[in-house]
Amino acid sequence: MGAPHDAILTFEYDDQRRARIAERSLRPELAPLADDRSWAALTREDATVTIRIEAADLVALRAAFNTWCSLVDTAETIADAAERTDA
């Protein structure tokens, strides 16, 4: 790693269960989105999910940033649906 450009996205959830659902929804996207211009790492600690994006150039960083924000939005929608199903 050690690309010249990076961004860290941090998402704090109300509880660990919700963060775990988001993490599990996002994790399968890591490998398919990695290429020679950008890649990401995903971690979860308690109720916080962190995505570190590294990119070779600013255009790739912007594209990866937008993609991951969209994926997080979708993961949160899945977490909402899971909560409604459990209720």
PDB file of N, CA and C in Angstrom:
ATOM      1  N   MET A   1       0.844  -1.181   0.000  1.00  0.00           N
ATOM      2  CA  MET A   1       0.000   0.000   0.000  1.00  0.00           C
ATOM      3  C   MET A   1       0.882   1.234   0.000  1.00  0.00           C
ATOM      4  N   GLY A   2       0.506   2.274   0.711  1.00  0.00           N
ATOM      5  CA  GLY A   2       1.314   3.472   0.721  1.00  0.00           C
ATOM      6  C   GLY A   2       1.121   4.336  -0.503  1.00  0.00           C
ATOM      7  N   ALA A   3      -0.088   4.354  -1.039  1.00  0.00           N
ATOM      8  CA  ALA A   3      -0.390   5.193  -2.196  1.00  0.00           C
ATOM      9  C   ALA A   3      -0.292   6.662  -1.803  1.00  0.00           C
ATOM     10  N   PRO A   4      -0.063   7.535  -2.777  1.00  0.00           N
ATOM     11  CA  PRO A   4       0.105   8.953  -2.463  1.00  0.00           C
ATOM     12  C   PRO A   4      -1.165   9.669  -1.987  1.00  0.00           C
ATOM     13  N   HIS A   5      -2.339   9.071  -2.214  1.00  0.00           N
ATOM     14  CA  HIS A   5      -3.599   9.711  -1.821  1.00  0.00           C
ATOM     15  C   HIS A   5      -4.429   8.727  -1.011  1.00  0.00           C
ATOM     16  N   ASP A   6      -5.064   9.244   0.043  1.00  0.00           N
ATOM     17  CA  ASP A   6      -5.914   8.359   0.827  1.00  0.00           C
ATOM     18  C   ASP A   6      -7.043   9.136   1.486  1.00  0.00           C
ATOM     19  N   ALA A   7      -8.039   8.390   1.904  1.00  0.00           N
ATOM     20  CA  ALA A   7      -9.176   8.961   2.631  1.00  0.00           C
ATOM     21  C   ALA A   7      -9.633   7.910   3.628  1.00  0.00           C
ATOM     22  N   ILE A   8     -10.085   8.370   4.768  1.00  0.00           N
ATOM     23  CA  ILE A   8     -10.609   7.470   5.784  1.00  0.00           C
ATOM     24  C   ILE A   8     -12.057   7.853   6.051  1.00  0.00           C
ATOM     25  N   LEU A   9     -12.944   6.885   5.850  1.00  0.00           N
ATOM     26  CA  LEU A   9     -14.368   7.077   6.108  1.00  0.00           C
ATOM     27  C   LEU A   9     -14.700   6.336   7.398  1.00  0.00           C
ATOM     28  N   THR A  10     -15.313   7.018   8.346  1.00  0.00           N
ATOM     29  CA  THR A  10     -15.673   6.409   9.619  1.00  0.00           C
ATOM     30  C   THR A  10     -17.166   6.556   9.826  1.00  0.00           C
ATOM     31  N   PHE A  11     -17.814   5.429  10.122  1.00  0.00           N
ATOM     32  CA  PHE A  11     -19.257   5.403  10.319  1.00  0.00           C
ATOM     33  C   PHE A  11     -19.542   4.831  11.697  1.00  0.00           C
ATOM     34  N   GLU A  12     -20.189   5.618  12.542  1.00  0.00           N
ATOM     35  CA  GLU A  12     -20.540   5.174  13.882  1.00  0.00           C
ATOM     36  C   GLU A  12     -22.021   4.825  13.916  1.00  0.00           C
ATOM     37  N   TYR A  13     -22.312   3.628  14.440  1.00  0.00           N
ATOM     38  CA  TYR A  13     -23.679   3.131  14.500  1.00  0.00           C
ATOM     39  C   TYR A  13     -24.174   3.119  15.938  1.00  0.00           C
ATOM     40  N   ASP A  14     -25.481   2.958  16.086  1.00  0.00           N
ATOM     41  CA  ASP A  14     -26.089   2.959  17.414  1.00  0.00           C
ATOM     42  C   ASP A  14     -25.654   1.777  18.262  1.00  0.00           C
ATOM     43  N   ASP A  15     -25.355   0.660  17.607  1.00  0.00           N
ATOM     44  CA  ASP A  15     -24.947  -0.520  18.361  1.00  0.00           C
ATOM     45  C   ASP A  15     -24.054  -1.418  17.494  1.00  0.00           C
ATOM     46  N   GLN A  16     -23.423  -2.400  18.145  1.00  0.00           N
ATOM     47  CA  GLN A  16     -22.509  -3.295  17.439  1.00  0.00           C
ATOM     48  C   GLN A  16     -23.220  -4.162  16.405  1.00  0.00           C
ATOM     49  N   ARG A  17     -24.447  -4.551  16.695  1.00  0.00           N
ATOM     50  CA  ARG A  17     -25.190  -5.396  15.755  1.00  0.00           C
ATOM     51  C   ARG A  17     -25.374  -4.695  14.422  1.00  0.00           C
ATOM     52  N   ARG A  18     -25.774  -3.447  14.477  1.00  0.00           N
ATOM     53  CA  ARG A  18     -25.988  -2.680  13.241  1.00  0.00           C
ATOM     54  C   ARG A  18     -24.667  -2.489  12.491  1.00  0.00           C
ATOM     55  N   ALA A  19     -23.606  -2.211  13.214  1.00  0.00           N
ATOM     56  CA  ALA A  19     -22.289  -2.060  12.582  1.00  0.00           C
ATOM     57  C   ALA A  19     -21.847  -3.371  11.940  1.00  0.00           C
ATOM     58  N   ARG A  20     -22.123  -4.482  12.606  1.00  0.00           N
ATOM     59  CA  ARG A  20     -21.761  -5.800  12.069  1.00  0.00           C
ATOM     60  C   ARG A  20     -22.521  -6.089  10.776  1.00  0.00           C
ATOM     61  N   ILE A  21     -23.801  -5.740  10.728  1.00  0.00           N
ATOM     62  CA  ILE A  21     -24.593  -5.934   9.502  1.00  0.00           C
ATOM     63  C   ILE A  21     -24.002  -5.102   8.364  1.00  0.00           C
ATOM     64  N   ALA A  22     -23.666  -3.855   8.644  1.00  0.00           N
ATOM     65  CA  ALA A  22     -23.065  -2.998   7.619  1.00  0.00           C
ATOM     66  C   ALA A  22     -21.733  -3.575   7.152  1.00  0.00           C
ATOM     67  N   GLU A  23     -20.912  -3.983   8.103  1.00  0.00           N
ATOM     68  CA  GLU A  23     -19.598  -4.547   7.746  1.00  0.00           C
ATOM     69  C   GLU A  23     -19.755  -5.783   6.863  1.00  0.00           C
ATOM     70  N   ARG A  24     -20.639  -6.678   7.246  1.00  0.00           N
ATOM     71  CA  ARG A  24     -20.831  -7.906   6.469  1.00  0.00           C
ATOM     72  C   ARG A  24     -21.414  -7.623   5.089  1.00  0.00           C
ATOM     73  N   SER A  25     -22.151  -6.552   4.964  1.00  0.00           N
ATOM     74  CA  SER A  25     -22.682  -6.163   3.654  1.00  0.00           C
ATOM     75  C   SER A  25     -21.589  -5.577   2.771  1.00  0.00           C
ATOM     76  N   LEU A  26     -20.631  -4.901   3.379  1.00  0.00           N
ATOM     77  CA  LEU A  26     -19.575  -4.224   2.627  1.00  0.00           C
ATOM     78  C   LEU A  26     -18.382  -5.113   2.283  1.00  0.00           C
ATOM     79  N   ARG A  27     -18.045  -6.034   3.166  1.00  0.00           N
ATOM     80  CA  ARG A  27     -16.819  -6.823   3.013  1.00  0.00           C
ATOM     81  C   ARG A  27     -16.695  -7.515   1.649  1.00  0.00           C
ATOM     82  N   PRO A  28     -17.757  -8.095   1.092  1.00  0.00           N
ATOM     83  CA  PRO A  28     -17.616  -8.766  -0.214  1.00  0.00           C
ATOM     84  C   PRO A  28     -17.210  -7.824  -1.361  1.00  0.00           C
ATOM     85  N   GLU A  29     -17.337  -6.533  -1.164  1.00  0.00           N
ATOM     86  CA  GLU A  29     -17.005  -5.563  -2.217  1.00  0.00           C
ATOM     87  C   GLU A  29     -15.517  -5.227  -2.273  1.00  0.00           C
ATOM     88  N   LEU A  30     -14.749  -5.599  -1.257  1.00  0.00           N
ATOM     89  CA  LEU A  30     -13.334  -5.211  -1.212  1.00  0.00           C
ATOM     90  C   LEU A  30     -12.542  -5.708  -2.415  1.00  0.00           C
ATOM     91  N   ALA A  31     -12.566  -6.984  -2.669  1.00  0.00           N
ATOM     92  CA  ALA A  31     -11.758  -7.544  -3.760  1.00  0.00           C
ATOM     93  C   ALA A  31     -12.212  -7.089  -5.142  1.00  0.00           C
ATOM     94  N   PRO A  32     -13.518  -7.126  -5.430  1.00  0.00           N
ATOM     95  CA  PRO A  32     -13.929  -6.728  -6.785  1.00  0.00           C
ATOM     96  C   PRO A  32     -13.607  -5.266  -7.126  1.00  0.00           C
ATOM     97  N   LEU A  33     -13.534  -4.406  -6.127  1.00  0.00           N
ATOM     98  CA  LEU A  33     -13.291  -2.989  -6.395  1.00  0.00           C
ATOM     99  C   LEU A  33     -11.810  -2.624  -6.419  1.00  0.00           C
ATOM    100  N   ALA A  34     -10.965  -3.488  -5.921  1.00  0.00           N
ATOM    101  CA  ALA A  34      -9.526  -3.196  -5.904  1.00  0.00           C
ATOM    102  C   ALA A  34      -8.958  -3.317  -7.322  1.00  0.00           C
ATOM    103  N   ASP A  35      -8.123  -2.368  -7.673  1.00  0.00           N
ATOM    104  CA  ASP A  35      -7.434  -2.432  -8.956  1.00  0.00           C
ATOM    105  C   ASP A  35      -6.071  -1.774  -8.803  1.00  0.00           C
ATOM    106  N   ASP A  36      -5.403  -1.506  -9.905  1.00  0.00           N
ATOM    107  CA  ASP A  36      -4.062  -0.945  -9.813  1.00  0.00           C
ATOM    108  C   ASP A  36      -4.062   0.546  -9.464  1.00  0.00           C
ATOM    109  N   ARG A  37      -5.240   1.190  -9.432  1.00  0.00           N
ATOM    110  CA  ARG A  37      -5.300   2.621  -9.118  1.00  0.00           C
ATOM    111  C   ARG A  37      -5.865   2.912  -7.736  1.00  0.00           C
ATOM    112  N   SER A  38      -6.702   2.018  -7.200  1.00  0.00           N
ATOM    113  CA  SER A  38      -7.256   2.257  -5.863  1.00  0.00           C
ATOM    114  C   SER A  38      -7.641   0.941  -5.195  1.00  0.00           C
ATOM    115  N   TRP A  39      -7.639   0.963  -3.877  1.00  0.00           N
ATOM    116  CA  TRP A  39      -8.022  -0.191  -3.085  1.00  0.00           C
ATOM    117  C   TRP A  39      -8.477   0.303  -1.728  1.00  0.00           C
ATOM    118  N   ALA A  40      -9.109  -0.577  -0.976  1.00  0.00           N
ATOM    119  CA  ALA A  40      -9.643  -0.167   0.321  1.00  0.00           C
ATOM    120  C   ALA A  40      -9.443  -1.275   1.349  1.00  0.00           C
ATOM    121  N   ALA A  41      -9.454  -0.863   2.605  1.00  0.00           N
ATOM    122  CA  ALA A  41      -9.419  -1.786   3.740  1.00  0.00           C
ATOM    123  C   ALA A  41     -10.620  -1.460   4.612  1.00  0.00           C
ATOM    124  N   LEU A  42     -11.225  -2.490   5.167  1.00  0.00           N
ATOM    125  CA  LEU A  42     -12.430  -2.336   5.976  1.00  0.00           C
ATOM    126  C   LEU A  42     -12.173  -2.921   7.357  1.00  0.00           C
ATOM    127  N   THR A  43     -12.486  -2.153   8.397  1.00  0.00           N
ATOM    128  CA  THR A  43     -12.367  -2.650   9.759  1.00  0.00           C
ATOM    129  C   THR A  43     -13.609  -2.255  10.540  1.00  0.00           C
ATOM    130  N   ARG A  44     -13.877  -3.038  11.586  1.00  0.00           N
ATOM    131  CA  ARG A  44     -14.959  -2.691  12.505  1.00  0.00           C
ATOM    132  C   ARG A  44     -14.446  -2.867  13.917  1.00  0.00           C
ATOM    133  N   GLU A  45     -14.679  -1.866  14.725  1.00  0.00           N
ATOM    134  CA  GLU A  45     -14.370  -1.944  16.148  1.00  0.00           C
ATOM    135  C   GLU A  45     -15.622  -1.518  16.900  1.00  0.00           C
ATOM    136  N   ASP A  46     -16.196  -2.466  17.608  1.00  0.00           N
ATOM    137  CA  ASP A  46     -17.451  -2.236  18.325  1.00  0.00           C
ATOM    138  C   ASP A  46     -18.519  -1.732  17.346  1.00  0.00           C
ATOM    139  N   ALA A  47     -18.999  -0.514  17.539  1.00  0.00           N
ATOM    140  CA  ALA A  47     -20.076   0.015  16.699  1.00  0.00           C
ATOM    141  C   ALA A  47     -19.567   0.973  15.624  1.00  0.00           C
ATOM    142  N   THR A  48     -18.276   0.909  15.319  1.00  0.00           N
ATOM    143  CA  THR A  48     -17.682   1.809  14.331  1.00  0.00           C
ATOM    144  C   THR A  48     -17.092   1.015  13.173  1.00  0.00           C
ATOM    145  N   VAL A  49     -17.486   1.397  11.967  1.00  0.00           N
ATOM    146  CA  VAL A  49     -16.943   0.799  10.747  1.00  0.00           C
ATOM    147  C   VAL A  49     -16.053   1.849  10.085  1.00  0.00           C
ATOM    148  N   THR A  50     -14.845   1.422   9.712  1.00  0.00           N
ATOM    149  CA  THR A  50     -13.895   2.332   9.078  1.00  0.00           C
ATOM    150  C   THR A  50     -13.465   1.757   7.742  1.00  0.00           C
ATOM    151  N   ILE A  51     -13.459   2.618   6.739  1.00  0.00           N
ATOM    152  CA  ILE A  51     -12.981   2.246   5.412  1.00  0.00           C
ATOM    153  C   ILE A  51     -11.825   3.176   5.078  1.00  0.00           C
ATOM    154  N   ARG A  52     -10.664   2.587   4.828  1.00  0.00           N
ATOM    155  CA  ARG A  52      -9.500   3.371   4.407  1.00  0.00           C
ATOM    156  C   ARG A  52      -9.304   3.124   2.917  1.00  0.00           C
ATOM    157  N   ILE A  53      -9.374   4.203   2.158  1.00  0.00           N
ATOM    158  CA  ILE A  53      -9.199   4.128   0.707  1.00  0.00           C
ATOM    159  C   ILE A  53      -7.826   4.679   0.370  1.00  0.00           C
ATOM    160  N   GLU A  54      -7.090   3.969  -0.467  1.00  0.00           N
ATOM    161  CA  GLU A  54      -5.810   4.465  -0.974  1.00  0.00           C
ATOM    162  C   GLU A  54      -5.880   4.470  -2.493  1.00  0.00           C
ATOM    163  N   ALA A  55      -5.277   5.498  -3.090  1.00  0.00           N
ATOM    164  CA  ALA A  55      -5.347   5.626  -4.543  1.00  0.00           C
ATOM    165  C   ALA A  55      -4.066   6.221  -5.109  1.00  0.00           C
ATOM    166  N   ALA A  56      -3.815   5.850  -6.337  1.00  0.00           N
ATOM    167  CA  ALA A  56      -2.630   6.322  -7.032  1.00  0.00           C
ATOM    168  C   ALA A  56      -2.768   7.767  -7.510  1.00  0.00           C
ATOM    169  N   ASP A  57      -4.014   8.216  -7.713  1.00  0.00           N
ATOM    170  CA  ASP A  57      -4.238   9.577  -8.189  1.00  0.00           C
ATOM    171  C   ASP A  57      -5.568  10.094  -7.644  1.00  0.00           C
ATOM    172  N   LEU A  58      -5.772  11.394  -7.742  1.00  0.00           N
ATOM    173  CA  LEU A  58      -6.964  12.009  -7.167  1.00  0.00           C
ATOM    174  C   LEU A  58      -8.261  11.593  -7.865  1.00  0.00           C
ATOM    175  N   VAL A  59      -8.209  11.362  -9.156  1.00  0.00           N
ATOM    176  CA  VAL A  59      -9.408  10.920  -9.875  1.00  0.00           C
ATOM    177  C   VAL A  59      -9.846   9.558  -9.348  1.00  0.00           C
ATOM    178  N   ALA A  60      -8.907   8.657  -9.170  1.00  0.00           N
ATOM    179  CA  ALA A  60      -9.227   7.327  -8.635  1.00  0.00           C
ATOM    180  C   ALA A  60      -9.722   7.424  -7.197  1.00  0.00           C
ATOM    181  N   LEU A  61      -9.142   8.327  -6.414  1.00  0.00           N
ATOM    182  CA  LEU A  61      -9.585   8.514  -5.033  1.00  0.00           C
ATOM    183  C   LEU A  61     -11.031   9.000  -4.993  1.00  0.00           C
ATOM    184  N   ARG A  62     -11.355   9.970  -5.825  1.00  0.00           N
ATOM    185  CA  ARG A  62     -12.726  10.493  -5.873  1.00  0.00           C
ATOM    186  C   ARG A  62     -13.707   9.406  -6.287  1.00  0.00           C
ATOM    187  N   ALA A  63     -13.355   8.647  -7.303  1.00  0.00           N
ATOM    188  CA  ALA A  63     -14.244   7.580  -7.769  1.00  0.00           C
ATOM    189  C   ALA A  63     -14.444   6.527  -6.687  1.00  0.00           C
ATOM    190  N   ALA A  64     -13.377   6.122  -6.038  1.00  0.00           N
ATOM    191  CA  ALA A  64     -13.486   5.120  -4.972  1.00  0.00           C
ATOM    192  C   ALA A  64     -14.281   5.674  -3.788  1.00  0.00           C
ATOM    193  N   PHE A  65     -14.042   6.911  -3.444  1.00  0.00           N
ATOM    194  CA  PHE A  65     -14.768   7.551  -2.339  1.00  0.00           C
ATOM    195  C   PHE A  65     -16.271   7.545  -2.625  1.00  0.00           C
ATOM    196  N   ASN A  66     -16.648   7.972  -3.815  1.00  0.00           N
ATOM    197  CA  ASN A  66     -18.064   7.985  -4.184  1.00  0.00           C
ATOM    198  C   ASN A  66     -18.672   6.590  -4.181  1.00  0.00           C
ATOM    199  N   THR A  67     -17.932   5.629  -4.684  1.00  0.00           N
ATOM    200  CA  THR A  67     -18.423   4.248  -4.718  1.00  0.00           C
ATOM    201  C   THR A  67     -18.652   3.724  -3.314  1.00  0.00           C
ATOM    202  N   TRP A  68     -17.678   3.918  -2.423  1.00  0.00           N
ATOM    203  CA  TRP A  68     -17.817   3.411  -1.056  1.00  0.00           C
ATOM    204  C   TRP A  68     -18.935   4.126  -0.299  1.00  0.00           C
ATOM    205  N   CYS A  69     -19.113   5.408  -0.529  1.00  0.00           N
ATOM    206  CA  CYS A  69     -20.232   6.115   0.126  1.00  0.00           C
ATOM    207  C   CYS A  69     -21.572   5.537  -0.337  1.00  0.00           C
ATOM    208  N   SER A  70     -21.674   5.233  -1.610  1.00  0.00           N
ATOM    209  CA  SER A  70     -22.888   4.628  -2.137  1.00  0.00           C
ATOM    210  C   SER A  70     -23.103   3.233  -1.550  1.00  0.00           C
ATOM    211  N   LEU A  71     -22.051   2.456  -1.446  1.00  0.00           N
ATOM    212  CA  LEU A  71     -22.152   1.119  -0.872  1.00  0.00           C
ATOM    213  C   LEU A  71     -22.546   1.163   0.603  1.00  0.00           C
ATOM    214  N   VAL A  72     -22.021   2.122   1.339  1.00  0.00           N
ATOM    215  CA  VAL A  72     -22.389   2.271   2.751  1.00  0.00           C
ATOM    216  C   VAL A  72     -23.865   2.630   2.859  1.00  0.00           C
ATOM    217  N   ASP A  73     -24.329   3.502   1.998  1.00  0.00           N
ATOM    218  CA  ASP A  73     -25.748   3.865   2.005  1.00  0.00           C
ATOM    219  C   ASP A  73     -26.615   2.621   1.792  1.00  0.00           C
ATOM    220  N   THR A  74     -26.218   1.788   0.853  1.00  0.00           N
ATOM    221  CA  THR A  74     -26.952   0.546   0.594  1.00  0.00           C
ATOM    222  C   THR A  74     -26.869  -0.392   1.796  1.00  0.00           C
ATOM    223  N   ALA A  75     -25.702  -0.511   2.404  1.00  0.00           N
ATOM    224  CA  ALA A  75     -25.542  -1.365   3.586  1.00  0.00           C
ATOM    225  C   ALA A  75     -26.432  -0.888   4.729  1.00  0.00           C
ATOM    226  N   GLU A  76     -26.545   0.423   4.882  1.00  0.00           N
ATOM    227  CA  GLU A  76     -27.414   0.956   5.931  1.00  0.00           C
ATOM    228  C   GLU A  76     -28.881   0.665   5.634  1.00  0.00           C
ATOM    229  N   THR A  77     -29.253   0.685   4.369  1.00  0.00           N
ATOM    230  CA  THR A  77     -30.615   0.313   3.986  1.00  0.00           C
ATOM    231  C   THR A  77     -30.878  -1.144   4.339  1.00  0.00           C
ATOM    232  N   ILE A  78     -29.886  -2.009   4.116  1.00  0.00           N
ATOM    233  CA  ILE A  78     -30.010  -3.418   4.471  1.00  0.00           C
ATOM    234  C   ILE A  78     -30.145  -3.567   5.988  1.00  0.00           C
ATOM    235  N   ALA A  79     -29.357  -2.823   6.739  1.00  0.00           N
ATOM    236  CA  ALA A  79     -29.444  -2.877   8.201  1.00  0.00           C
ATOM    237  C   ALA A  79     -30.833  -2.432   8.670  1.00  0.00           C
ATOM    238  N   ASP A  80     -31.379  -1.401   8.050  1.00  0.00           N
ATOM    239  CA  ASP A  80     -32.743  -0.942   8.391  1.00  0.00           C
ATOM    240  C   ASP A  80     -33.757  -2.050   8.134  1.00  0.00           C
ATOM    241  N   ALA A  81     -33.619  -2.715   6.990  1.00  0.00           N
ATOM    242  CA  ALA A  81     -34.552  -3.790   6.647  1.00  0.00           C
ATOM    243  C   ALA A  81     -34.420  -4.950   7.631  1.00  0.00           C
ATOM    244  N   ALA A  82     -33.201  -5.259   8.038  1.00  0.00           N
ATOM    245  CA  ALA A  82     -32.983  -6.337   8.998  1.00  0.00           C
ATOM    246  C   ALA A  82     -33.626  -6.017  10.340  1.00  0.00           C
ATOM    247  N   GLU A  83     -33.541  -4.762  10.747  1.00  0.00           N
ATOM    248  CA  GLU A  83     -34.164  -4.357  12.014  1.00  0.00           C
ATOM    249  C   GLU A  83     -35.679  -4.457  11.936  1.00  0.00           C
ATOM    250  N   ARG A  84     -36.261  -4.078  10.807  1.00  0.00           N
ATOM    251  CA  ARG A  84     -37.710  -4.176  10.647  1.00  0.00           C
ATOM    252  C   ARG A  84     -38.161  -5.631  10.645  1.00  0.00           C
ATOM    253  N   THR A  85     -37.361  -6.503  10.063  1.00  0.00           N
ATOM    254  CA  THR A  85     -37.685  -7.922  10.002  1.00  0.00           C
ATOM    255  C   THR A  85     -37.648  -8.553  11.390  1.00  0.00           C
ATOM    256  N   ASP A  86     -36.694  -8.115  12.211  1.00  0.00           N
ATOM    257  CA  ASP A  86     -36.546  -8.660  13.560  1.00  0.00           C
ATOM    258  C   ASP A  86     -37.606  -8.151  14.517  1.00  0.00           C
ATOM    259  N   ALA A  87     -38.237  -7.026  14.174  1.00  0.00           N
ATOM    260  CA  ALA A  87     -39.207  -6.419  15.081  1.00  0.00           C
ATOM    261  C   ALA A  87     -40.523  -7.157  15.109  1.00  0.00           C
TER     262      ALA A  87
END
